[in-house]
């Protein structure tokens, strides 16, 4: 089951001025659960206030069967709003398993 390594719970991440942030996850070497799906929702957490993308399994892009790294920037959050300032991130496996969401606060 994928576990988010970064960001840490409630971490403020600086996405201002075109900066990017590395989201990392792992299965601790167990399982082969690709392809991965990255989901981000705002607050309130509704289907209309979030979105998911399927991630490549191309190792040259930093993603393998046991985890990966992907870069997030402010444009990735376009159209997602948060009345609390916090967003929630989930990395889910092909089978939909995940280890829960992590809240983070982007600085735009």
Protein backbone atom coordinates (compact mmCIF):
# COMPACT_ATOMS: atom_id res chain seq x y z
CA UNK A 1 0.00 0.00 0.00
CA UNK A 2 1.48 3.39 -0.95
CA UNK A 3 2.58 5.72 1.84
CA UNK A 4 3.24 9.41 1.25
CA UNK A 5 6.78 10.43 2.26
CA UNK A 6 6.53 14.12 1.35
CA UNK A 7 4.84 16.40 2.17
CA UNK A 8 4.61 15.83 5.91
CA UNK A 9 1.22 16.31 7.55
CA UNK A 10 0.15 19.97 7.50
CA UNK A 11 3.43 21.07 5.87
CA UNK A 12 3.48 24.48 4.22
CA UNK A 13 4.94 24.16 0.73
CA UNK A 14 6.17 27.16 -1.24
CA UNK A 15 4.77 27.17 -4.76
CA UNK A 16 5.24 30.91 -5.30
CA UNK A 17 7.20 32.35 -8.20
CA UNK A 18 7.08 29.17 -10.28
CA UNK A 19 8.63 26.97 -7.58
CA UNK A 20 7.93 23.24 -7.59
CA UNK A 21 7.67 20.73 -4.77
CA UNK A 22 8.60 17.04 -4.89
CA UNK A 23 5.84 14.71 -3.75
CA UNK A 24 7.29 11.34 -2.81
CA UNK A 25 5.71 8.00 -1.95
CA UNK A 26 6.82 4.45 -1.29
CA UNK A 27 5.49 0.97 -0.67
CA UNK A 28 8.63 0.22 1.37
CA UNK A 29 9.61 -2.31 -1.29
CA UNK A 30 6.47 -4.36 -0.94
CA UNK A 31 3.97 -4.87 -3.70
CA UNK A 32 3.83 -3.94 -7.33
CA UNK A 33 0.78 -1.75 -7.51
CA UNK A 34 1.16 0.38 -10.63
CA UNK A 35 -0.20 2.41 -12.26
CA UNK A 36 -0.46 5.05 -9.57
CA UNK A 37 -3.14 7.72 -9.29
CA UNK A 38 -2.47 11.12 -7.67
CA UNK A 39 -5.53 12.91 -6.26
CA UNK A 40 -5.74 16.39 -4.75
CA UNK A 41 -8.85 17.93 -3.22
CA UNK A 42 -9.45 21.27 -1.56
CA UNK A 43 -11.77 22.25 1.22
CA UNK A 44 -14.61 21.49 1.26
CA UNK A 45 -13.56 18.08 0.00
CA UNK A 46 -15.97 17.34 -2.82
CA UNK A 47 -15.61 15.57 -6.15
CA UNK A 48 -16.12 18.90 -7.93
CA UNK A 49 -13.34 20.54 -5.86
CA UNK A 50 -10.52 18.19 -6.75
CA UNK A 51 -9.13 15.90 -9.33
CA UNK A 52 -7.02 12.83 -10.03
CA UNK A 53 -4.42 12.01 -12.66
CA UNK A 54 -2.98 8.66 -13.70
CA UNK A 55 0.80 8.62 -13.36
CA UNK A 56 3.23 7.06 -15.78
CA UNK A 57 5.12 3.94 -14.75
CA UNK A 58 8.19 5.14 -16.66
CA UNK A 59 11.20 4.77 -14.35
CA UNK A 60 12.98 7.59 -16.21
CA UNK A 61 10.24 9.91 -14.90
CA UNK A 62 10.98 8.92 -11.29
CA UNK A 63 8.18 6.39 -10.83
CA UNK A 64 8.56 2.65 -10.27
CA UNK A 65 6.42 -0.24 -9.08
CA UNK A 66 7.37 0.50 -5.46
CA UNK A 67 7.02 4.30 -5.31
CA UNK A 68 8.05 7.49 -6.95
CA UNK A 69 8.57 11.23 -7.03
CA UNK A 70 6.51 13.77 -8.96
CA UNK A 71 6.73 17.56 -9.03
CA UNK A 72 3.79 19.75 -8.02
CA UNK A 73 3.46 23.42 -8.99
CA UNK A 74 0.78 26.06 -8.48
CA UNK A 75 -0.79 25.46 -11.89
CA UNK A 76 -1.54 21.86 -10.85
CA UNK A 77 -3.98 23.27 -8.30
CA UNK A 78 -5.82 25.56 -10.73
CA UNK A 79 -9.57 25.30 -10.18
CA UNK A 80 -9.21 23.68 -6.75
CA UNK A 81 -10.07 25.96 -3.85
CA UNK A 82 -9.75 25.76 -0.09
CA UNK A 83 -11.66 27.76 2.47
CA UNK A 84 -9.25 26.56 5.18
CA UNK A 85 -6.02 27.01 3.21
CA UNK A 86 -5.33 23.26 3.36
CA UNK A 87 -5.49 20.74 0.53
CA UNK A 88 -5.46 16.94 0.76
CA UNK A 89 -3.23 14.63 -1.26
CA UNK A 90 -3.66 10.90 -1.89
CA UNK A 91 -1.51 8.47 -3.86
CA UNK A 92 -3.61 5.42 -4.71
CA UNK A 93 -2.59 2.14 -6.30
CA UNK A 94 -4.12 0.53 -9.36
CA UNK A 95 -6.43 -1.33 -6.98
CA UNK A 96 -7.40 1.88 -5.18
CA UNK A 97 -5.52 1.09 -1.99
CA UNK A 98 -3.88 3.97 -0.14
CA UNK A 99 -2.67 4.80 3.32
CA UNK A 100 -4.87 7.88 3.79
CA UNK A 101 -4.49 11.47 2.75
CA UNK A 102 -1.97 14.06 3.84
CA UNK A 103 -3.05 17.66 4.38
CA UNK A 104 -0.69 20.39 3.11
CA UNK A 105 -0.86 24.18 2.84
CA UNK A 106 0.43 25.66 -0.39
CA UNK A 107 1.94 29.14 -0.41
CA UNK A 108 1.11 30.84 -3.70
